[in-house]
Amino acid sequence: MTDLLRSAQSGDPQASSRLFELVYADMKRMAHSRLYRSGGLDDLDTTSLVHESFLKLSGEGRLKASDRPAFFGYVARVMRSVVIDHVRERQARKRGSGDLLVTLTTGIEAEAIDDRRLMAMGAALDVLQRLSPQFHELVELRYFAGLSIREVAEARGTSTRTVEREWEKARAFLLHLMEEA
């Protein structure tokens, strides 16, 4: 996968095609997980989210990832962007009717958020990226890419306990930023 990423980054369209064939099932799993947690996005299905994300990824010209965890973190950001754009479009059409349920958790805390809080989460993630890129990356890998604590620890070359501590801090910081928004 790393070789395909390098080739795709250098502009090889065949490498990009092979890469997306290779990760399509993983992207579909990520999209399904996102949509299952959101509960209220019945007008956006798994395949549509994957395809919209692929179009956005390929439309940006160059992939911004050097390895598997970085790639899936990047895919997670793109999926988040697609979901938030979808919610914005839906809000523009309906002006606030209906609530979208999204859990800000990977099984640790069961807090559901509606459309307004989802938008606040998007804004909070932007702030978090500026204040702590490390926490931002962790939230994206855990929440959006669906990686486990162990998978994040392996990707970062740290202990699971370190990732657990950082995850608690990042989640608390993000929730604080969301409350401010």
N, C-alpha and C. Protein backbone atom coordinates (compact mmCIF):
# COMPACT_ATOMS: atom_id res chain seq x y z
N MET A 1 0.82 -1.19 0.00
CA MET A 1 0.00 0.00 0.00
C MET A 1 0.87 1.26 0.00
N THR A 2 1.97 1.22 0.73
CA THR A 2 2.86 2.39 0.77
C THR A 2 3.43 2.68 -0.61
N ASP A 3 3.79 1.62 -1.35
CA ASP A 3 4.31 1.82 -2.71
C ASP A 3 3.23 2.43 -3.62
N LEU A 4 2.00 1.95 -3.49
CA LEU A 4 0.91 2.52 -4.28
C LEU A 4 0.67 3.98 -3.92
N LEU A 5 0.74 4.31 -2.64
CA LEU A 5 0.58 5.70 -2.21
C LEU A 5 1.66 6.58 -2.84
N ARG A 6 2.90 6.11 -2.81
CA ARG A 6 4.00 6.90 -3.40
C ARG A 6 3.77 7.10 -4.89
N SER A 7 3.39 6.03 -5.57
CA SER A 7 3.16 6.14 -7.02
C SER A 7 1.99 7.06 -7.31
N ALA A 8 0.92 6.95 -6.53
CA ALA A 8 -0.24 7.81 -6.73
C ALA A 8 0.12 9.27 -6.46
N GLN A 9 0.95 9.51 -5.45
CA GLN A 9 1.37 10.87 -5.14
C GLN A 9 2.21 11.48 -6.25
N SER A 10 2.93 10.63 -6.97
CA SER A 10 3.75 11.15 -8.07
C SER A 10 2.94 11.32 -9.35
N GLY A 11 1.63 11.06 -9.26
CA GLY A 11 0.76 11.34 -10.40
C GLY A 11 0.40 10.14 -11.26
N ASP A 12 0.71 8.94 -10.83
CA ASP A 12 0.40 7.74 -11.60
C ASP A 12 -1.09 7.40 -11.44
N PRO A 13 -1.91 7.61 -12.50
CA PRO A 13 -3.35 7.35 -12.38
C PRO A 13 -3.67 5.86 -12.17
N GLN A 14 -2.85 4.98 -12.72
CA GLN A 14 -3.08 3.55 -12.52
C GLN A 14 -2.85 3.16 -11.06
N ALA A 15 -1.87 3.78 -10.42
CA ALA A 15 -1.61 3.51 -9.01
C ALA A 15 -2.79 3.99 -8.17
N SER A 16 -3.35 5.14 -8.52
CA SER A 16 -4.52 5.65 -7.80
C SER A 16 -5.69 4.68 -7.92
N SER A 17 -5.92 4.19 -9.12
CA SER A 17 -7.00 3.23 -9.33
C SER A 17 -6.77 1.95 -8.53
N ARG A 18 -5.57 1.43 -8.57
CA ARG A 18 -5.26 0.21 -7.82
C ARG A 18 -5.39 0.44 -6.32
N LEU A 19 -4.95 1.61 -5.86
CA LEU A 19 -5.04 1.94 -4.44
C LEU A 19 -6.51 1.96 -3.99
N PHE A 20 -7.37 2.60 -4.76
CA PHE A 20 -8.76 2.68 -4.36
C PHE A 20 -9.47 1.33 -4.48
N GLU A 21 -9.05 0.50 -5.41
CA GLU A 21 -9.58 -0.87 -5.46
C GLU A 21 -9.18 -1.62 -4.19
N LEU A 22 -7.95 -1.42 -3.76
CA LEU A 22 -7.43 -2.08 -2.57
C LEU A 22 -8.14 -1.64 -1.30
N VAL A 23 -8.45 -0.36 -1.19
CA VAL A 23 -9.02 0.18 0.06
C VAL A 23 -10.53 0.36 0.01
N TYR A 24 -11.16 0.02 -1.11
CA TYR A 24 -12.60 0.24 -1.25
C TYR A 24 -13.39 -0.41 -0.12
N ALA A 25 -13.09 -1.66 0.20
CA ALA A 25 -13.82 -2.36 1.26
C ALA A 25 -13.61 -1.68 2.61
N ASP A 26 -12.40 -1.22 2.88
CA ASP A 26 -12.13 -0.51 4.13
C ASP A 26 -12.89 0.82 4.17
N MET A 27 -12.91 1.52 3.04
CA MET A 27 -13.64 2.78 2.99
C MET A 27 -15.13 2.54 3.19
N LYS A 28 -15.62 1.46 2.63
CA LYS A 28 -17.04 1.13 2.78
C LYS A 28 -17.36 0.81 4.24
N ARG A 29 -16.46 0.10 4.90
CA ARG A 29 -16.64 -0.22 6.32
C ARG A 29 -16.64 1.07 7.15
N MET A 30 -15.71 1.98 6.85
CA MET A 30 -15.65 3.26 7.56
C MET A 30 -16.93 4.06 7.34
N ALA A 31 -17.39 4.10 6.10
CA ALA A 31 -18.61 4.86 5.78
C ALA A 31 -19.82 4.26 6.49
N HIS A 32 -19.90 2.95 6.48
CA HIS A 32 -21.02 2.28 7.16
C HIS A 32 -21.00 2.61 8.65
N SER A 33 -19.83 2.56 9.25
CA SER A 33 -19.69 2.88 10.67
C SER A 33 -20.13 4.31 10.94
N ARG A 34 -19.69 5.25 10.11
CA ARG A 34 -20.06 6.66 10.26
C ARG A 34 -21.57 6.83 10.18
N LEU A 35 -22.16 6.23 9.16
CA LEU A 35 -23.59 6.42 8.94
C LEU A 35 -24.42 5.69 9.99
N TYR A 36 -23.95 4.53 10.43
CA TYR A 36 -24.67 3.79 11.47
C TYR A 36 -24.71 4.61 12.76
N ARG A 37 -23.59 5.23 13.11
CA ARG A 37 -23.53 6.04 14.33
C ARG A 37 -24.37 7.29 14.20
N SER A 38 -24.47 7.83 12.99
CA SER A 38 -25.18 9.09 12.83
C SER A 38 -26.69 8.92 12.94
N GLY A 39 -27.21 7.75 12.62
CA GLY A 39 -28.62 7.47 12.83
C GLY A 39 -29.58 8.24 11.96
N GLY A 40 -29.39 9.52 11.76
CA GLY A 40 -30.37 10.34 11.07
C GLY A 40 -30.04 10.68 9.64
N LEU A 41 -29.03 10.08 9.06
CA LEU A 41 -28.67 10.39 7.67
C LEU A 41 -29.23 9.34 6.73
N ASP A 42 -30.54 9.17 6.74
CA ASP A 42 -31.13 8.16 5.89
C ASP A 42 -31.13 8.56 4.42
N ASP A 43 -30.81 9.80 4.12
CA ASP A 43 -30.72 10.25 2.74
C ASP A 43 -29.29 10.20 2.19
N LEU A 44 -28.37 9.61 2.96
CA LEU A 44 -27.00 9.40 2.50
C LEU A 44 -26.62 7.96 2.83
N ASP A 45 -26.38 7.15 1.81
CA ASP A 45 -26.05 5.75 2.08
C ASP A 45 -24.55 5.52 2.00
N THR A 46 -24.15 4.33 2.42
CA THR A 46 -22.73 3.97 2.50
C THR A 46 -22.03 4.14 1.17
N THR A 47 -22.60 3.60 0.12
CA THR A 47 -21.97 3.67 -1.20
C THR A 47 -21.83 5.12 -1.65
N SER A 48 -22.86 5.92 -1.42
CA SER A 48 -22.79 7.33 -1.81
C SER A 48 -21.69 8.06 -1.06
N LEU A 49 -21.56 7.77 0.25
CA LEU A 49 -20.51 8.42 1.03
C LEU A 49 -19.13 8.02 0.52
N VAL A 50 -18.94 6.74 0.21
CA VAL A 50 -17.65 6.28 -0.32
C VAL A 50 -17.36 6.95 -1.66
N HIS A 51 -18.35 6.98 -2.53
CA HIS A 51 -18.14 7.56 -3.86
C HIS A 51 -17.90 9.06 -3.80
N GLU A 52 -18.68 9.76 -2.96
CA GLU A 52 -18.46 11.20 -2.79
C GLU A 52 -17.06 11.46 -2.23
N SER A 53 -16.66 10.65 -1.29
CA SER A 53 -15.32 10.80 -0.70
C SER A 53 -14.25 10.53 -1.73
N PHE A 54 -14.44 9.49 -2.55
CA PHE A 54 -13.47 9.18 -3.60
C PHE A 54 -13.36 10.35 -4.58
N LEU A 55 -14.51 10.92 -4.97
CA LEU A 55 -14.47 12.06 -5.89
C LEU A 55 -13.73 13.24 -5.28
N LYS A 56 -13.96 13.47 -4.02
CA LYS A 56 -13.27 14.56 -3.35
C LYS A 56 -11.77 14.29 -3.24
N LEU A 57 -11.41 13.04 -2.89
CA LEU A 57 -10.00 12.67 -2.81
C LEU A 57 -9.32 12.82 -4.17
N SER A 58 -9.94 12.32 -5.21
CA SER A 58 -9.32 12.36 -6.53
C SER A 58 -9.35 13.76 -7.11
N GLY A 59 -10.34 14.57 -6.70
CA GLY A 59 -10.44 15.93 -7.20
C GLY A 59 -9.39 16.86 -6.63
N GLU A 60 -8.80 16.49 -5.51
CA GLU A 60 -7.78 17.33 -4.89
C GLU A 60 -6.42 17.16 -5.56
N GLY A 61 -6.34 16.24 -6.52
CA GLY A 61 -5.12 16.12 -7.30
C GLY A 61 -4.09 15.18 -6.70
N ARG A 62 -3.64 15.47 -5.51
CA ARG A 62 -2.58 14.65 -4.89
C ARG A 62 -3.04 14.14 -3.55
N LEU A 63 -2.74 12.88 -3.30
CA LEU A 63 -3.04 12.30 -2.00
C LEU A 63 -2.07 12.85 -0.97
N LYS A 64 -2.59 13.15 0.20
CA LYS A 64 -1.75 13.72 1.25
C LYS A 64 -1.54 12.69 2.34
N ALA A 65 -0.87 11.60 2.00
CA ALA A 65 -0.62 10.55 2.98
C ALA A 65 0.63 9.78 2.59
N SER A 66 1.35 9.33 3.60
CA SER A 66 2.60 8.63 3.34
C SER A 66 2.55 7.14 3.69
N ASP A 67 1.57 6.75 4.51
CA ASP A 67 1.45 5.36 4.90
C ASP A 67 -0.01 5.03 5.19
N ARG A 68 -0.29 3.80 5.55
CA ARG A 68 -1.66 3.34 5.75
C ARG A 68 -2.43 4.15 6.80
N PRO A 69 -1.88 4.34 8.02
CA PRO A 69 -2.64 5.11 9.01
C PRO A 69 -2.87 6.56 8.56
N ALA A 70 -1.87 7.17 7.95
CA ALA A 70 -2.04 8.54 7.47
C ALA A 70 -3.09 8.60 6.36
N PHE A 71 -3.09 7.60 5.49
CA PHE A 71 -4.08 7.56 4.41
C PHE A 71 -5.49 7.45 4.98
N PHE A 72 -5.69 6.54 5.94
CA PHE A 72 -7.03 6.38 6.49
C PHE A 72 -7.44 7.57 7.34
N GLY A 73 -6.48 8.25 7.96
CA GLY A 73 -6.79 9.50 8.64
C GLY A 73 -7.26 10.55 7.64
N TYR A 74 -6.60 10.59 6.50
CA TYR A 74 -6.97 11.51 5.43
C TYR A 74 -8.35 11.17 4.88
N VAL A 75 -8.62 9.89 4.66
CA VAL A 75 -9.94 9.44 4.20
C VAL A 75 -11.00 9.83 5.22
N ALA A 76 -10.68 9.66 6.50
CA ALA A 76 -11.63 10.01 7.55
C ALA A 76 -11.96 11.50 7.51
N ARG A 77 -10.96 12.35 7.29
CA ARG A 77 -11.20 13.79 7.19
C ARG A 77 -12.10 14.10 6.01
N VAL A 78 -11.84 13.44 4.90
CA VAL A 78 -12.66 13.68 3.71
C VAL A 78 -14.10 13.22 3.96
N MET A 79 -14.27 12.05 4.59
CA MET A 79 -15.63 11.58 4.89
C MET A 79 -16.34 12.54 5.84
N ARG A 80 -15.62 13.02 6.84
CA ARG A 80 -16.21 14.00 7.76
C ARG A 80 -16.66 15.22 6.99
N SER A 81 -15.83 15.68 6.08
CA SER A 81 -16.16 16.84 5.27
C SER A 81 -17.41 16.59 4.42
N VAL A 82 -17.50 15.41 3.83
CA VAL A 82 -18.67 15.07 3.01
C VAL A 82 -19.93 15.04 3.86
N VAL A 83 -19.84 14.43 5.04
CA VAL A 83 -21.02 14.35 5.93
C VAL A 83 -21.43 15.75 6.37
N ILE A 84 -20.46 16.58 6.77
CA ILE A 84 -20.80 17.94 7.22
C ILE A 84 -21.38 18.75 6.07
N ASP A 85 -20.82 18.63 4.87
CA ASP A 85 -21.38 19.32 3.71
C ASP A 85 -22.81 18.85 3.45
N HIS A 86 -23.04 17.56 3.61
CA HIS A 86 -24.38 17.00 3.41
C HIS A 86 -25.36 17.59 4.43
N VAL A 87 -24.93 17.67 5.69
CA VAL A 87 -25.78 18.22 6.74
C VAL A 87 -26.06 19.69 6.46
N ARG A 88 -25.05 20.44 6.05
CA ARG A 88 -25.26 21.86 5.71
C ARG A 88 -26.28 22.01 4.59
N GLU A 89 -26.14 21.18 3.58
CA GLU A 89 -27.07 21.25 2.46
C GLU A 89 -28.48 20.91 2.91
N ARG A 90 -28.59 19.89 3.74
CA ARG A 90 -29.91 19.49 4.25
C ARG A 90 -30.49 20.59 5.12
N GLN A 91 -29.67 21.22 5.96
CA GLN A 91 -30.17 22.31 6.80
C GLN A 91 -30.62 23.49 5.94
N ALA A 92 -29.90 23.75 4.87
CA ALA A 92 -30.28 24.84 3.98
C ALA A 92 -31.64 24.56 3.35
N ARG A 93 -31.90 23.28 3.06
CA ARG A 93 -33.20 22.90 2.47
C ARG A 93 -34.30 22.92 3.52
N LYS A 94 -34.03 22.43 4.70
CA LYS A 94 -35.09 22.24 5.70
C LYS A 94 -35.05 23.24 6.83
N ARG A 95 -33.98 23.99 6.94
CA ARG A 95 -33.81 24.99 7.99
C ARG A 95 -34.10 24.46 9.38
N GLY A 96 -33.31 23.44 9.76
CA GLY A 96 -33.33 23.00 11.15
C GLY A 96 -34.32 21.94 11.53
N SER A 97 -35.09 21.39 10.58
CA SER A 97 -36.03 20.35 10.99
C SER A 97 -35.31 19.02 11.15
N GLY A 98 -35.69 18.28 12.15
CA GLY A 98 -35.11 16.95 12.38
C GLY A 98 -33.75 17.02 13.04
N ASP A 99 -33.46 16.05 13.83
CA ASP A 99 -32.18 15.97 14.49
C ASP A 99 -31.38 14.82 13.94
N LEU A 100 -30.10 15.03 13.77
CA LEU A 100 -29.16 14.00 13.34
C LEU A 100 -28.43 13.50 14.56
N LEU A 101 -28.42 12.21 14.78
CA LEU A 101 -27.72 11.66 15.92
C LEU A 101 -26.37 11.14 15.49
N VAL A 102 -25.32 11.64 16.12
CA VAL A 102 -23.96 11.20 15.88
C VAL A 102 -23.34 10.99 17.25
N THR A 103 -22.66 9.88 17.45
CA THR A 103 -22.03 9.67 18.74
C THR A 103 -20.58 10.09 18.66
N LEU A 104 -20.15 10.85 19.63
CA LEU A 104 -18.76 11.28 19.71
C LEU A 104 -18.04 10.28 20.60
N THR A 105 -17.93 9.09 20.08
CA THR A 105 -17.38 8.02 20.90
C THR A 105 -16.94 6.87 20.01
N THR A 106 -16.12 6.05 20.53
CA THR A 106 -15.82 4.77 19.90
C THR A 106 -16.10 3.71 20.94
N GLY A 107 -17.25 3.84 21.58
CA GLY A 107 -17.67 2.88 22.58
C GLY A 107 -17.28 3.27 23.99
N ILE A 108 -16.79 4.48 24.20
CA ILE A 108 -16.35 4.90 25.52
C ILE A 108 -17.43 5.71 26.22
N GLU A 109 -18.13 6.54 25.48
CA GLU A 109 -19.13 7.41 26.06
C GLU A 109 -20.28 7.52 25.08
N ALA A 110 -21.49 7.41 25.55
CA ALA A 110 -22.65 7.42 24.66
C ALA A 110 -23.32 8.78 24.70
N GLU A 111 -22.78 9.74 23.98
CA GLU A 111 -23.38 11.06 23.90
C GLU A 111 -23.78 11.30 22.45
N ALA A 112 -25.05 11.52 22.20
CA ALA A 112 -25.53 11.77 20.86
C ALA A 112 -25.60 13.27 20.61
N ILE A 113 -25.33 13.68 19.37
CA ILE A 113 -25.37 15.09 19.05
C ILE A 113 -26.25 15.31 17.83
N ASP A 114 -26.90 16.47 17.79
CA ASP A 114 -27.78 16.80 16.68
C ASP A 114 -27.01 17.58 15.61
N ASP A 115 -27.73 18.05 14.58
CA ASP A 115 -27.09 18.77 13.47
C ASP A 115 -26.26 19.96 13.94
N ARG A 116 -26.82 20.75 14.85
CA ARG A 116 -26.10 21.94 15.32
C ARG A 116 -24.80 21.54 16.02
N ARG A 117 -24.86 20.49 16.82
CA ARG A 117 -23.65 20.05 17.52
C ARG A 117 -22.68 19.39 16.55
N LEU A 118 -23.18 18.75 15.50
CA LEU A 118 -22.29 18.19 14.48
C LEU A 118 -21.52 19.31 13.80
N MET A 119 -22.22 20.40 13.52
CA MET A 119 -21.55 21.55 12.91
C MET A 119 -20.53 22.14 13.90
N ALA A 120 -20.91 22.18 15.18
CA ALA A 120 -19.99 22.67 16.21
C ALA A 120 -18.77 21.75 16.30
N MET A 121 -18.99 20.44 16.12
CA MET A 121 -17.87 19.50 16.15
C MET A 121 -16.92 19.79 14.99
N GLY A 122 -17.46 20.07 13.81
CA GLY A 122 -16.61 20.41 12.68
C GLY A 122 -15.77 21.64 12.96
N ALA A 123 -16.39 22.67 13.54
CA ALA A 123 -15.66 23.89 13.88
C ALA A 123 -14.63 23.61 14.98
N ALA A 124 -15.02 22.80 15.97
CA ALA A 124 -14.10 22.47 17.07
C ALA A 124 -12.90 21.69 16.55
N LEU A 125 -13.12 20.79 15.60
CA LEU A 125 -12.00 20.04 15.02
C LEU A 125 -11.04 20.96 14.28
N ASP A 126 -11.58 21.97 13.63
CA ASP A 126 -10.71 22.95 12.95
C ASP A 126 -9.84 23.69 13.97
N VAL A 127 -10.45 24.08 15.10
CA VAL A 127 -9.69 24.76 16.15
C VAL A 127 -8.66 23.80 16.74
N LEU A 128 -9.10 22.55 17.00
CA LEU A 128 -8.21 21.55 17.58
C LEU A 128 -7.01 21.30 16.68
N GLN A 129 -7.23 21.32 15.37
CA GLN A 129 -6.12 21.11 14.44
C GLN A 129 -5.07 22.21 14.58
N ARG A 130 -5.52 23.43 14.79
CA ARG A 130 -4.57 24.54 14.96
C ARG A 130 -3.87 24.48 16.31
N LEU A 131 -4.62 24.11 17.36
CA LEU A 131 -4.06 24.11 18.71
C LEU A 131 -3.21 22.88 19.02
N SER A 132 -3.66 21.72 18.55
CA SER A 132 -2.94 20.48 18.84
C SER A 132 -3.11 19.50 17.68
N PRO A 133 -2.24 19.58 16.70
CA PRO A 133 -2.34 18.66 15.56
C PRO A 133 -2.30 17.20 16.00
N GLN A 134 -1.58 16.91 17.06
CA GLN A 134 -1.49 15.53 17.55
C GLN A 134 -2.85 15.04 18.05
N PHE A 135 -3.57 15.86 18.82
CA PHE A 135 -4.89 15.47 19.30
C PHE A 135 -5.88 15.39 18.14
N HIS A 136 -5.75 16.33 17.20
CA HIS A 136 -6.63 16.33 16.03
C HIS A 136 -6.47 15.03 15.25
N GLU A 137 -5.23 14.64 15.01
CA GLU A 137 -4.97 13.40 14.28
C GLU A 137 -5.54 12.20 15.04
N LEU A 138 -5.39 12.19 16.35
CA LEU A 138 -5.89 11.10 17.17
C LEU A 138 -7.41 10.99 17.07
N VAL A 139 -8.11 12.12 17.16
CA VAL A 139 -9.57 12.10 17.04
C VAL A 139 -9.98 11.56 15.68
N GLU A 140 -9.29 11.99 14.65
CA GLU A 140 -9.65 11.51 13.31
C GLU A 140 -9.38 10.02 13.15
N LEU A 141 -8.26 9.56 13.67
CA LEU A 141 -7.95 8.13 13.56
C LEU A 141 -8.92 7.29 14.37
N ARG A 142 -9.26 7.74 15.57
CA ARG A 142 -10.15 6.95 16.43
C ARG A 142 -11.60 7.08 15.99
N TYR A 143 -12.08 8.32 15.89
CA TYR A 143 -13.51 8.54 15.65
C TYR A 143 -13.89 8.37 14.19
N PHE A 144 -13.15 8.99 13.30
CA PHE A 144 -13.55 8.97 11.90
C PHE A 144 -13.00 7.78 11.14
N ALA A 145 -11.76 7.38 11.39
CA ALA A 145 -11.21 6.22 10.69
C ALA A 145 -11.56 4.92 11.40
N GLY A 146 -11.97 5.01 12.67
CA GLY A 146 -12.41 3.83 13.40
C GLY A 146 -11.29 2.92 13.87
N LEU A 147 -10.06 3.46 13.97
CA LEU A 147 -8.95 2.63 14.43
C LEU A 147 -9.06 2.42 15.93
N SER A 148 -8.64 1.26 16.38
CA SER A 148 -8.64 0.95 17.81
C SER A 148 -7.45 1.63 18.48
N ILE A 149 -7.47 1.63 19.80
CA ILE A 149 -6.33 2.16 20.57
C ILE A 149 -5.05 1.43 20.16
N ARG A 150 -5.13 0.12 20.06
CA ARG A 150 -3.97 -0.68 19.70
C ARG A 150 -3.46 -0.31 18.30
N GLU A 151 -4.37 -0.15 17.34
CA GLU A 151 -3.96 0.20 15.97
C GLU A 151 -3.30 1.58 15.91
N VAL A 152 -3.84 2.53 16.68
CA VAL A 152 -3.23 3.86 16.72
C VAL A 152 -1.85 3.79 17.35
N ALA A 153 -1.73 3.02 18.44
CA ALA A 153 -0.43 2.88 19.11
C ALA A 153 0.60 2.28 18.16
N GLU A 154 0.21 1.26 17.41
CA GLU A 154 1.12 0.64 16.44
C GLU A 154 1.52 1.64 15.36
N ALA A 155 0.55 2.39 14.86
CA ALA A 155 0.83 3.36 13.79
C ALA A 155 1.77 4.46 14.27
N ARG A 156 1.62 4.85 15.53
CA ARG A 156 2.44 5.93 16.08
C ARG A 156 3.72 5.44 16.73
N GLY A 157 3.82 4.13 16.95
CA GLY A 157 5.00 3.59 17.60
C GLY A 157 5.07 3.92 19.08
N THR A 158 3.89 4.00 19.74
CA THR A 158 3.83 4.30 21.16
C THR A 158 3.05 3.20 21.87
N SER A 159 2.94 3.30 23.17
CA SER A 159 2.21 2.30 23.95
C SER A 159 0.72 2.57 23.90
N THR A 160 -0.05 1.53 24.14
CA THR A 160 -1.51 1.70 24.17
C THR A 160 -1.91 2.61 25.33
N ARG A 161 -1.21 2.55 26.44
CA ARG A 161 -1.52 3.40 27.58
C ARG A 161 -1.33 4.88 27.23
N THR A 162 -0.28 5.19 26.48
CA THR A 162 -0.06 6.58 26.05
C THR A 162 -1.21 7.04 25.17
N VAL A 163 -1.62 6.20 24.24
CA VAL A 163 -2.73 6.56 23.35
C VAL A 163 -4.02 6.72 24.16
N GLU A 164 -4.26 5.84 25.13
CA GLU A 164 -5.45 5.96 25.97
C GLU A 164 -5.48 7.29 26.71
N ARG A 165 -4.35 7.70 27.29
CA ARG A 165 -4.27 8.99 28.00
C ARG A 165 -4.52 10.15 27.03
N GLU A 166 -3.87 10.10 25.87
CA GLU A 166 -4.05 11.17 24.89
C GLU A 166 -5.49 11.22 24.38
N TRP A 167 -6.10 10.04 24.21
CA TRP A 167 -7.49 9.97 23.74
C TRP A 167 -8.43 10.63 24.74
N GLU A 168 -8.23 10.36 26.02
CA GLU A 168 -9.07 10.99 27.06
C GLU A 168 -8.91 12.50 27.02
N LYS A 169 -7.68 12.97 26.91
CA LYS A 169 -7.43 14.42 26.86
C LYS A 169 -8.02 15.03 25.59
N ALA A 170 -7.78 14.39 24.45
CA ALA A 170 -8.27 14.92 23.17
C ALA A 170 -9.79 14.98 23.15
N ARG A 171 -10.43 13.94 23.65
CA ARG A 171 -11.89 13.89 23.67
C ARG A 171 -12.45 14.98 24.59
N ALA A 172 -11.85 15.14 25.76
CA ALA A 172 -12.30 16.18 26.69
C ALA A 172 -12.09 17.57 26.09
N PHE A 173 -10.95 17.78 25.45
CA PHE A 173 -10.64 19.06 24.84
C PHE A 173 -11.64 19.36 23.72
N LEU A 174 -11.92 18.36 22.89
CA LEU A 174 -12.87 18.54 21.79
C LEU A 174 -14.26 18.84 22.32
N LEU A 175 -14.72 18.12 23.32
CA LEU A 175 -16.04 18.39 23.89
C LEU A 175 -16.10 19.79 24.47
N HIS A 176 -15.03 20.24 25.11
CA HIS A 176 -14.98 21.61 25.64
C HIS A 176 -15.10 22.62 24.50
N LEU A 177 -14.36 22.40 23.43
CA LEU A 177 -14.44 23.31 22.27
C LEU A 177 -15.83 23.31 21.66
N MET A 178 -16.48 22.15 21.64
CA MET A 178 -17.83 22.07 21.10
C MET A 178 -18.82 22.84 21.97
N GLU A 179 -18.66 22.76 23.28
CA GLU A 179 -19.54 23.50 24.18
C GLU A 179 -19.37 25.00 23.99
N GLU A 180 -18.15 25.45 23.76
CA GLU A 180 -17.90 26.87 23.52
C GLU A 180 -18.55 27.33 22.22
N ALA A 181 -18.53 26.44 21.22
CA ALA A 181 -19.14 26.79 19.92
C ALA A 181 -20.65 26.82 20.05
